[in-house]
PDB file of N, CA and C in Angstrom:
ATOM      1  N   MET A   1     -58.474 -68.147 -88.160  1.00  0.00           N
ATOM      2  CA  MET A   1     -57.492 -68.985 -87.308  1.00  0.00           C
ATOM      3  C   MET A   1     -57.142 -68.375 -86.084  1.00  0.00           C
ATOM      4  N   THR A   2     -57.249 -69.291 -84.979  1.00  0.00           N
ATOM      5  CA  THR A   2     -56.990 -68.784 -83.546  1.00  0.00           C
ATOM      6  C   THR A   2     -55.616 -69.350 -83.182  1.00  0.00           C
ATOM      7  N   VAL A   3     -54.630 -68.443 -82.786  1.00  0.00           N
ATOM      8  CA  VAL A   3     -53.385 -69.019 -82.375  1.00  0.00           C
ATOM      9  C   VAL A   3     -53.102 -68.348 -81.060  1.00  0.00           C
ATOM     10  N   GLU A   4     -52.561 -69.179 -80.054  1.00  0.00           N
ATOM     11  CA  GLU A   4     -52.460 -68.482 -78.603  1.00  0.00           C
ATOM     12  C   GLU A   4     -53.180 -67.506 -78.103  1.00  0.00           C
ATOM     13  N   GLY A   5     -54.619 -67.628 -78.399  1.00  0.00           N
ATOM     14  CA  GLY A   5     -55.467 -66.601 -77.939  1.00  0.00           C
ATOM     15  C   GLY A   5     -55.703 -65.363 -78.842  1.00  0.00           C
ATOM     16  N   TYR A   6     -54.952 -65.221 -79.964  1.00  0.00           N
ATOM     17  CA  TYR A   6     -55.189 -64.217 -80.877  1.00  0.00           C
ATOM     18  C   TYR A   6     -55.955 -64.878 -82.333  1.00  0.00           C
ATOM     19  N   ASP A   7     -56.922 -64.119 -82.707  1.00  0.00           N
ATOM     20  CA  ASP A   7     -57.552 -64.378 -83.838  1.00  0.00           C
ATOM     21  C   ASP A   7     -57.110 -63.570 -84.955  1.00  0.00           C
ATOM     22  N   LEU A   8     -56.553 -64.456 -85.868  1.00  0.00           N
ATOM     23  CA  LEU A   8     -55.951 -63.826 -86.840  1.00  0.00           C
ATOM     24  C   LEU A   8     -57.065 -63.449 -87.984  1.00  0.00           C
ATOM     25  N   PRO A   9     -57.063 -62.205 -88.618  1.00  0.00           N
ATOM     26  CA  PRO A   9     -58.077 -61.447 -89.233  1.00  0.00           C
ATOM     27  C   PRO A   9     -57.951 -62.328 -90.768  1.00  0.00           C
ATOM     28  N   GLU A  10     -59.046 -62.557 -91.390  1.00  0.00           N
ATOM     29  CA  GLU A  10     -59.031 -63.355 -92.556  1.00  0.00           C
ATOM     30  C   GLU A  10     -58.311 -62.364 -93.560  1.00  0.00           C
ATOM     31  N   ALA A  11     -58.207 -61.284 -93.559  1.00  0.00           N
ATOM     32  CA  ALA A  11     -57.662 -60.563 -94.641  1.00  0.00           C
ATOM     33  C   ALA A  11     -56.164 -60.579 -94.357  1.00  0.00           C
ATOM     34  N   ILE A  12     -55.610 -60.543 -93.234  1.00  0.00           N
ATOM     35  CA  ILE A  12     -54.090 -60.934 -93.131  1.00  0.00           C
ATOM     36  C   ILE A  12     -53.638 -62.333 -93.470  1.00  0.00           C
ATOM     37  N   GLU A  13     -54.581 -63.247 -93.007  1.00  0.00           N
ATOM     38  CA  GLU A  13     -54.170 -64.524 -93.527  1.00  0.00           C
ATOM     39  C   GLU A  13     -54.193 -64.717 -95.122  1.00  0.00           C
ATOM     40  N   SER A  14     -55.338 -64.202 -95.771  1.00  0.00           N
ATOM     41  CA  SER A  14     -55.217 -64.165 -97.214  1.00  0.00           C
ATOM     42  C   SER A  14     -54.128 -63.612 -97.890  1.00  0.00           C
ATOM     43  N   ALA A  15     -53.653 -62.394 -97.371  1.00  0.00           N
ATOM     44  CA  ALA A  15     -52.366 -61.618 -97.805  1.00  0.00           C
ATOM     45  C   ALA A  15     -51.243 -62.382 -97.563  1.00  0.00           C
ATOM     46  N   VAL A  16     -51.091 -63.115 -96.250  1.00  0.00           N
ATOM     47  CA  VAL A  16     -49.710 -63.834 -96.212  1.00  0.00           C
ATOM     48  C   VAL A  16     -49.804 -65.054 -97.287  1.00  0.00           C
ATOM     49  N   LEU A  17     -50.935 -65.770 -97.210  1.00  0.00           N
ATOM     50  CA  LEU A  17     -50.876 -66.941 -98.142  1.00  0.00           C
ATOM     51  C   LEU A  17     -50.737 -66.471 -99.464  1.00  0.00           C
ATOM     52  N   ALA A  18     -51.241 -65.393-100.015  1.00  0.00           N
ATOM     53  CA  ALA A  18     -50.803 -64.970-101.454  1.00  0.00           C
ATOM     54  C   ALA A  18     -49.231 -64.584-101.532  1.00  0.00           C
ATOM     55  N   GLU A  19     -48.658 -64.067-100.458  1.00  0.00           N
ATOM     56  CA  GLU A  19     -47.362 -63.707-100.535  1.00  0.00           C
ATOM     57  C   GLU A  19     -46.623 -65.132-100.781  1.00  0.00           C
ATOM     58  N   ILE A  20     -46.939 -66.148 -99.871  1.00  0.00           N
ATOM     59  CA  ILE A  20     -46.111 -67.394 -99.746  1.00  0.00           C
ATOM     60  C   ILE A  20     -46.418 -68.108-101.128  1.00  0.00           C
ATOM     61  N   ARG A  21     -47.406 -68.009-101.706  1.00  0.00           N
ATOM     62  CA  ARG A  21     -47.829 -68.496-103.051  1.00  0.00           C
ATOM     63  C   ARG A  21     -47.088 -68.027-104.320  1.00  0.00           C
ATOM     64  N   ARG A  22     -46.740 -66.801-103.838  1.00  0.00           N
ATOM     65  CA  ARG A  22     -46.022 -65.896-105.050  1.00  0.00           C
ATOM     66  C   ARG A  22     -44.461 -65.983-105.087  1.00  0.00           C
ATOM     67  N   ARG A  23     -43.975 -66.282-103.825  1.00  0.00           N
ATOM     68  CA  ARG A  23     -42.559 -66.060-103.646  1.00  0.00           C
ATOM     69  C   ARG A  23     -41.910 -67.387-103.815  1.00  0.00           C
ATOM     70  N   SER A  24     -40.652 -67.492-104.002  1.00  0.00           N
ATOM     71  CA  SER A  24     -39.813 -68.731-104.049  1.00  0.00           C
ATOM     72  C   SER A  24     -38.365 -68.436-103.584  1.00  0.00           C
ATOM     73  N   GLY A  25     -37.924 -69.384-102.709  1.00  0.00           N
ATOM     74  CA  GLY A  25     -36.516 -69.080-102.094  1.00  0.00           C
ATOM     75  C   GLY A  25     -36.694 -68.104-100.901  1.00  0.00           C
ATOM     76  N   PHE A  26     -37.520 -68.323-100.008  1.00  0.00           N
ATOM     77  CA  PHE A  26     -37.555 -67.388 -98.658  1.00  0.00           C
ATOM     78  C   PHE A  26     -37.470 -68.207 -97.459  1.00  0.00           C
ATOM     79  N   LYS A  27     -37.186 -67.487 -96.474  1.00  0.00           N
ATOM     80  CA  LYS A  27     -36.969 -67.868 -95.169  1.00  0.00           C
ATOM     81  C   LYS A  27     -38.541 -67.813 -94.240  1.00  0.00           C
ATOM     82  N   ALA A  28     -38.535 -68.792 -93.409  1.00  0.00           N
ATOM     83  CA  ALA A  28     -39.834 -68.544 -92.595  1.00  0.00           C
ATOM     84  C   ALA A  28     -39.777 -67.155 -91.775  1.00  0.00           C
ATOM     85  N   SER A  29     -38.556 -66.614 -91.411  1.00  0.00           N
ATOM     86  CA  SER A  29     -38.376 -65.438 -90.621  1.00  0.00           C
ATOM     87  C   SER A  29     -39.086 -64.262 -91.377  1.00  0.00           C
ATOM     88  N   GLU A  30     -38.922 -64.448 -92.911  1.00  0.00           N
ATOM     89  CA  GLU A  30     -39.520 -63.364 -93.658  1.00  0.00           C
ATOM     90  C   GLU A  30     -41.317 -63.385 -93.506  1.00  0.00           C
ATOM     91  N   ILE A  31     -41.760 -64.382 -93.322  1.00  0.00           N
ATOM     92  CA  ILE A  31     -43.105 -64.654 -93.193  1.00  0.00           C
ATOM     93  C   ILE A  31     -43.533 -64.093 -91.910  1.00  0.00           C
ATOM     94  N   VAL A  32     -42.726 -64.381 -90.822  1.00  0.00           N
ATOM     95  CA  VAL A  32     -43.032 -63.879 -89.413  1.00  0.00           C
ATOM     96  C   VAL A  32     -42.862 -62.239 -89.528  1.00  0.00           C
ATOM     97  N   GLY A  33     -41.844 -61.750 -90.185  1.00  0.00           N
ATOM     98  CA  GLY A  33     -41.812 -60.276 -90.423  1.00  0.00           C
ATOM     99  C   GLY A  33     -42.936 -59.660 -91.024  1.00  0.00           C
ATOM    100  N   LEU A  34     -43.470 -60.280 -92.152  1.00  0.00           N
ATOM    101  CA  LEU A  34     -44.683 -59.766 -92.793  1.00  0.00           C
ATOM    102  C   LEU A  34     -45.952 -59.853 -92.046  1.00  0.00           C
ATOM    103  N   LEU A  35     -46.185 -60.954 -91.090  1.00  0.00           N
ATOM    104  CA  LEU A  35     -47.358 -60.911 -90.105  1.00  0.00           C
ATOM    105  C   LEU A  35     -47.263 -59.884 -89.054  1.00  0.00           C
ATOM    106  N   ARG A  36     -45.901 -59.579 -88.610  1.00  0.00           N
ATOM    107  CA  ARG A  36     -45.604 -58.611 -87.639  1.00  0.00           C
ATOM    108  C   ARG A  36     -45.963 -57.282 -88.169  1.00  0.00           C
ATOM    109  N   ARG A  37     -45.597 -56.893 -89.427  1.00  0.00           N
ATOM    110  CA  ARG A  37     -45.719 -55.619 -90.047  1.00  0.00           C
ATOM    111  C   ARG A  37     -47.274 -55.577 -90.320  1.00  0.00           C
ATOM    112  N   SER A  38     -47.898 -56.530 -90.460  1.00  0.00           N
ATOM    113  CA  SER A  38     -49.530 -56.556 -90.667  1.00  0.00           C
ATOM    114  C   SER A  38     -50.383 -56.414 -89.400  1.00  0.00           C
ATOM    115  N   GLY A  39     -49.550 -56.346 -88.187  1.00  0.00           N
ATOM    116  CA  GLY A  39     -50.292 -56.020 -86.897  1.00  0.00           C
ATOM    117  C   GLY A  39     -50.405 -57.167 -86.004  1.00  0.00           C
ATOM    118  N   VAL A  40     -49.805 -58.475 -86.402  1.00  0.00           N
ATOM    119  CA  VAL A  40     -50.069 -59.654 -85.397  1.00  0.00           C
ATOM    120  C   VAL A  40     -48.984 -59.229 -84.348  1.00  0.00           C
ATOM    121  N   PRO A  41     -49.455 -59.320 -82.985  1.00  0.00           N
ATOM    122  CA  PRO A  41     -48.663 -58.956 -81.845  1.00  0.00           C
ATOM    123  C   PRO A  41     -47.447 -59.538 -81.757  1.00  0.00           C
ATOM    124  N   THR A  42     -46.438 -58.695 -81.229  1.00  0.00           N
ATOM    125  CA  THR A  42     -45.135 -59.195 -80.916  1.00  0.00           C
ATOM    126  C   THR A  42     -45.008 -59.816 -79.439  1.00  0.00           C
ATOM    127  N   ASN A  43     -45.951 -59.487 -78.673  1.00  0.00           N
ATOM    128  CA  ASN A  43     -45.861 -59.944 -77.393  1.00  0.00           C
ATOM    129  C   ASN A  43     -47.063 -60.879 -76.990  1.00  0.00           C
ATOM    130  N   SER A  44     -46.930 -61.844 -76.116  1.00  0.00           N
ATOM    131  CA  SER A  44     -48.018 -62.572 -75.792  1.00  0.00           C
ATOM    132  C   SER A  44     -49.404 -62.013 -75.655  1.00  0.00           C
ATOM    133  N   VAL A  45     -50.397 -62.677 -76.146  1.00  0.00           N
ATOM    134  CA  VAL A  45     -51.547 -62.245 -75.964  1.00  0.00           C
ATOM    135  C   VAL A  45     -52.339 -62.674 -74.701  1.00  0.00           C
ATOM    136  N   ARG A  46     -51.873 -63.983 -74.196  1.00  0.00           N
ATOM    137  CA  ARG A  46     -52.359 -64.538 -73.063  1.00  0.00           C
ATOM    138  C   ARG A  46     -51.032 -65.038 -72.340  1.00  0.00           C
ATOM    139  N   PRO A  47     -51.047 -64.890 -70.911  1.00  0.00           N
ATOM    140  CA  PRO A  47     -49.635 -65.073 -70.267  1.00  0.00           C
ATOM    141  C   PRO A  47     -49.276 -66.800 -70.226  1.00  0.00           C
ATOM    142  N   GLU A  48     -50.224 -67.405 -70.524  1.00  0.00           N
ATOM    143  CA  GLU A  48     -49.738 -69.074 -70.496  1.00  0.00           C
ATOM    144  C   GLU A  48     -49.009 -69.314 -71.779  1.00  0.00           C
ATOM    145  N   PHE A  49     -49.036 -68.561 -72.705  1.00  0.00           N
ATOM    146  CA  PHE A  49     -48.440 -68.760 -73.932  1.00  0.00           C
ATOM    147  C   PHE A  49     -46.994 -68.221 -74.059  1.00  0.00           C
ATOM    148  N   HIS A  50     -46.392 -68.645 -74.874  1.00  0.00           N
ATOM    149  CA  HIS A  50     -44.909 -67.964 -75.167  1.00  0.00           C
ATOM    150  C   HIS A  50     -44.703 -66.545 -75.201  1.00  0.00           C
ATOM    151  N   PRO A  51     -43.929 -65.903 -74.610  1.00  0.00           N
ATOM    152  CA  PRO A  51     -43.855 -64.560 -74.476  1.00  0.00           C
ATOM    153  C   PRO A  51     -43.490 -63.735 -75.948  1.00  0.00           C
ATOM    154  N   ALA A  52     -43.188 -64.448 -76.799  1.00  0.00           N
ATOM    155  CA  ALA A  52     -42.746 -63.947 -78.042  1.00  0.00           C
ATOM    156  C   ALA A  52     -43.950 -63.673 -78.926  1.00  0.00           C
ATOM    157  N   GLY A  53     -45.114 -64.095 -78.652  1.00  0.00           N
ATOM    158  CA  GLY A  53     -46.489 -63.657 -79.408  1.00  0.00           C
ATOM    159  C   GLY A  53     -46.683 -64.690 -80.343  1.00  0.00           C
ATOM    160  N   PRO A  54     -47.780 -64.782 -81.126  1.00  0.00           N
ATOM    161  CA  PRO A  54     -48.187 -65.886 -81.870  1.00  0.00           C
ATOM    162  C   PRO A  54     -47.676 -65.522 -83.398  1.00  0.00           C
ATOM    163  N   ALA A  55     -46.844 -64.633 -83.778  1.00  0.00           N
ATOM    164  CA  ALA A  55     -46.370 -64.708 -85.128  1.00  0.00           C
ATOM    165  C   ALA A  55     -45.726 -65.892 -85.786  1.00  0.00           C
ATOM    166  N   ASP A  56     -44.783 -66.328 -84.771  1.00  0.00           N
ATOM    167  CA  ASP A  56     -43.968 -67.510 -85.122  1.00  0.00           C
ATOM    168  C   ASP A  56     -44.970 -68.632 -85.526  1.00  0.00           C
ATOM    169  N   ARG A  57     -45.808 -69.049 -84.546  1.00  0.00           N
ATOM    170  CA  ARG A  57     -46.672 -70.171 -84.580  1.00  0.00           C
ATOM    171  C   ARG A  57     -47.622 -70.062 -86.089  1.00  0.00           C
ATOM    172  N   ILE A  58     -48.082 -68.799 -86.008  1.00  0.00           N
ATOM    173  CA  ILE A  58     -48.994 -68.498 -87.371  1.00  0.00           C
ATOM    174  C   ILE A  58     -48.234 -68.837 -88.757  1.00  0.00           C
ATOM    175  N   ALA A  59     -46.960 -68.312 -88.674  1.00  0.00           N
ATOM    176  CA  ALA A  59     -45.980 -68.441 -89.867  1.00  0.00           C
ATOM    177  C   ALA A  59     -45.958 -70.079 -90.050  1.00  0.00           C
ATOM    178  N   ASP A  60     -45.701 -70.755 -89.067  1.00  0.00           N
ATOM    179  CA  ASP A  60     -45.441 -72.076 -89.117  1.00  0.00           C
ATOM    180  C   ASP A  60     -46.729 -72.852 -89.531  1.00  0.00           C
ATOM    181  N   ARG A  61     -47.821 -72.596 -89.000  1.00  0.00           N
ATOM    182  CA  ARG A  61     -49.014 -73.332 -89.525  1.00  0.00           C
ATOM    183  C   ARG A  61     -49.483 -72.954 -91.063  1.00  0.00           C
ATOM    184  N   LEU A  62     -49.338 -71.555 -91.306  1.00  0.00           N
ATOM    185  CA  LEU A  62     -49.382 -71.482 -92.683  1.00  0.00           C
ATOM    186  C   LEU A  62     -48.464 -72.171 -93.771  1.00  0.00           C
ATOM    187  N   LEU A  63     -47.230 -72.245 -93.260  1.00  0.00           N
ATOM    188  CA  LEU A  63     -46.213 -72.850 -94.048  1.00  0.00           C
ATOM    189  C   LEU A  63     -46.501 -74.164 -94.285  1.00  0.00           C
ATOM    190  N   GLN A  64     -46.880 -74.846 -92.958  1.00  0.00           N
ATOM    191  CA  GLN A  64     -46.932 -76.295 -93.163  1.00  0.00           C
ATOM    192  C   GLN A  64     -48.398 -76.677 -93.772  1.00  0.00           C
ATOM    193  N   ARG A  65     -49.473 -75.907 -93.835  1.00  0.00           N
ATOM    194  CA  ARG A  65     -50.537 -76.085 -94.638  1.00  0.00           C
ATOM    195  C   ARG A  65     -50.162 -75.926 -96.047  1.00  0.00           C
ATOM    196  N   GLU A  66     -49.564 -74.959 -96.403  1.00  0.00           N
ATOM    197  CA  GLU A  66     -49.114 -74.906 -97.849  1.00  0.00           C
ATOM    198  C   GLU A  66     -48.175 -76.021 -98.522  1.00  0.00           C
ATOM    199  N   ARG A  67     -47.501 -76.490 -97.421  1.00  0.00           N
ATOM    200  CA  ARG A  67     -46.444 -77.631 -97.607  1.00  0.00           C
ATOM    201  C   ARG A  67     -47.227 -79.004 -98.033  1.00  0.00           C
ATOM    202  N   ARG A  68     -48.054 -79.205 -97.099  1.00  0.00           N
ATOM    203  CA  ARG A  68     -49.165 -80.511 -97.258  1.00  0.00           C
ATOM    204  C   ARG A  68     -50.154 -80.237 -98.419  1.00  0.00           C
ATOM    205  N   ALA A  69     -50.222 -79.195 -98.792  1.00  0.00           N
ATOM    206  CA  ALA A  69     -51.183 -79.006-100.139  1.00  0.00           C
ATOM    207  C   ALA A  69     -50.428 -79.259-101.473  1.00  0.00           C
ATOM    208  N   GLY A  70     -49.046 -79.172-101.085  1.00  0.00           N
ATOM    209  CA  GLY A  70     -48.109 -79.424-102.374  1.00  0.00           C
ATOM    210  C   GLY A  70     -47.810 -78.160-102.972  1.00  0.00           C
ATOM    211  N   ARG A  71     -47.822 -77.062-102.454  1.00  0.00           N
ATOM    212  CA  ARG A  71     -47.675 -75.708-103.260  1.00  0.00           C
ATOM    213  C   ARG A  71     -46.236 -75.195-102.868  1.00  0.00           C
ATOM    214  N   ILE A  72     -45.676 -75.812-101.742  1.00  0.00           N
ATOM    215  CA  ILE A  72     -44.335 -75.382-101.490  1.00  0.00           C
ATOM    216  C   ILE A  72     -43.484 -76.320-101.039  1.00  0.00           C
ATOM    217  N   ARG A  73     -42.270 -76.323-101.128  1.00  0.00           N
ATOM    218  CA  ARG A  73     -41.262 -77.359-100.343  1.00  0.00           C
ATOM    219  C   ARG A  73     -40.174 -76.696 -99.674  1.00  0.00           C
ATOM    220  N   PHE A  74     -39.510 -77.306 -98.709  1.00  0.00           N
ATOM    221  CA  PHE A  74     -38.322 -76.753 -98.034  1.00  0.00           C
ATOM    222  C   PHE A  74     -37.126 -77.629 -98.688  1.00  0.00           C
ATOM    223  N   GLU A  75     -36.159 -76.731 -99.017  1.00  0.00           N
ATOM    224  CA  GLU A  75     -34.791 -77.246 -99.583  1.00  0.00           C
ATOM    225  C   GLU A  75     -33.778 -76.385 -99.353  1.00  0.00           C
ATOM    226  N   ARG A  76     -32.794 -76.942 -98.841  1.00  0.00           N
ATOM    227  CA  ARG A  76     -31.568 -76.309 -98.578  1.00  0.00           C
ATOM    228  C   ARG A  76     -31.774 -74.909 -97.749  1.00  0.00           C
ATOM    229  N   GLY A  77     -32.401 -74.917 -96.719  1.00  0.00           N
ATOM    230  CA  GLY A  77     -32.763 -73.802 -95.860  1.00  0.00           C
ATOM    231  C   GLY A  77     -33.792 -72.804 -96.162  1.00  0.00           C
ATOM    232  N   LEU A  78     -34.497 -73.117 -97.481  1.00  0.00           N
ATOM    233  CA  LEU A  78     -35.290 -72.135 -97.896  1.00  0.00           C
ATOM    234  C   LEU A  78     -36.608 -72.705 -98.398  1.00  0.00           C
ATOM    235  N   TRP A  79     -37.656 -72.094 -98.227  1.00  0.00           N
ATOM    236  CA  TRP A  79     -39.028 -72.531 -99.012  1.00  0.00           C
ATOM    237  C   TRP A  79     -39.147 -72.009-100.316  1.00  0.00           C
ATOM    238  N   HIS A  80     -39.527 -72.883-101.146  1.00  0.00           N
ATOM    239  CA  HIS A  80     -39.654 -72.911-102.609  1.00  0.00           C
ATOM    240  C   HIS A  80     -41.108 -73.244-103.124  1.00  0.00           C
ATOM    241  N   ARG A  81     -41.524 -72.423-104.132  1.00  0.00           N
ATOM    242  CA  ARG A  81     -42.873 -72.556-104.595  1.00  0.00           C
ATOM    243  C   ARG A  81     -42.662 -73.786-105.551  1.00  0.00           C
ATOM    244  N   VAL A  82     -43.560 -74.883-105.475  1.00  0.00           N
ATOM    245  CA  VAL A  82     -43.522 -75.951-106.382  1.00  0.00           C
ATOM    246  C   VAL A  82     -44.256 -75.423-107.753  1.00  0.00           C
ATOM    247  N   PRO A  83     -43.514 -75.600-108.803  1.00  0.00           N
ATOM    248  CA  PRO A  83     -43.974 -75.249-110.089  1.00  0.00           C
ATOM    249  C   PRO A  83     -45.242 -75.917-110.598  1.00  0.00           C
ATOM    250  N   GLU A  84     -46.239 -75.499-110.982  1.00  0.00           N
ATOM    251  CA  GLU A  84     -47.445 -76.265-111.586  1.00  0.00           C
ATOM    252  C   GLU A  84     -47.115 -76.994-112.813  1.00  0.00           C
ATOM    253  N   ALA A  85     -47.651 -78.495-112.785  1.00  0.00           N
ATOM    254  CA  ALA A  85     -47.675 -79.260-113.855  1.00  0.00           C
ATOM    255  C   ALA A  85     -48.261 -78.539-115.139  1.00  0.00           C
ATOM    256  N   PRO A  86     -47.970 -78.754-116.334  1.00  0.00           N
ATOM    257  CA  PRO A  86     -48.709 -78.297-117.465  1.00  0.00           C
ATOM    258  C   PRO A  86     -49.977 -78.769-117.261  1.00  0.00           C
ATOM    259  N   GLY A  87     -50.752 -77.747-117.492  1.00  0.00           N
ATOM    260  CA  GLY A  87     -52.285 -78.178-117.614  1.00  0.00           C
ATOM    261  C   GLY A  87     -53.121 -78.359-116.363  1.00  0.00           C
ATOM    262  N   ASP A  88     -52.252 -78.291-115.288  1.00  0.00           N
ATOM    263  CA  ASP A  88     -52.868 -78.246-113.799  1.00  0.00           C
ATOM    264  C   ASP A  88     -53.223 -76.831-113.505  1.00  0.00           C
ATOM    265  N   ALA A  89     -54.477 -76.511-113.919  1.00  0.00           N
ATOM    266  CA  ALA A  89     -55.096 -75.260-113.368  1.00  0.00           C
ATOM    267  C   ALA A  89     -55.887 -75.300-112.073  1.00  0.00           C
ATOM    268  N   ALA A  90     -55.834 -76.384-111.420  1.00  0.00           N
ATOM    269  CA  ALA A  90     -56.528 -76.716-110.317  1.00  0.00           C
ATOM    270  C   ALA A  90     -55.707 -75.873-109.053  1.00  0.00           C
ATOM    271  N   ARG A  91     -54.519 -75.616-109.152  1.00  0.00           N
ATOM    272  CA  ARG A  91     -53.824 -74.995-107.892  1.00  0.00           C
ATOM    273  C   ARG A  91     -54.006 -73.609-107.777  1.00  0.00           C
TER     274      ARG A  91
END
């Protein structure tokens, strides 16, 4: 995934997705923090993009991807894991 000129390593993307799928009742800022601790730049990679760096956008893209896939939902200000239906081993 490339966001704001930064190529997110597959290992970081996989680790963050695993954390999103494991947790329930978390804020997007926690995912941003995880990305930053994993080495995603906190400053802009290219000057034409936002000066805060790509971590916020990457977190949003990953959360929205998981929401569209039906694995998480946003409720009362927090992201929650969607429980698997009995017999639903496809997720």
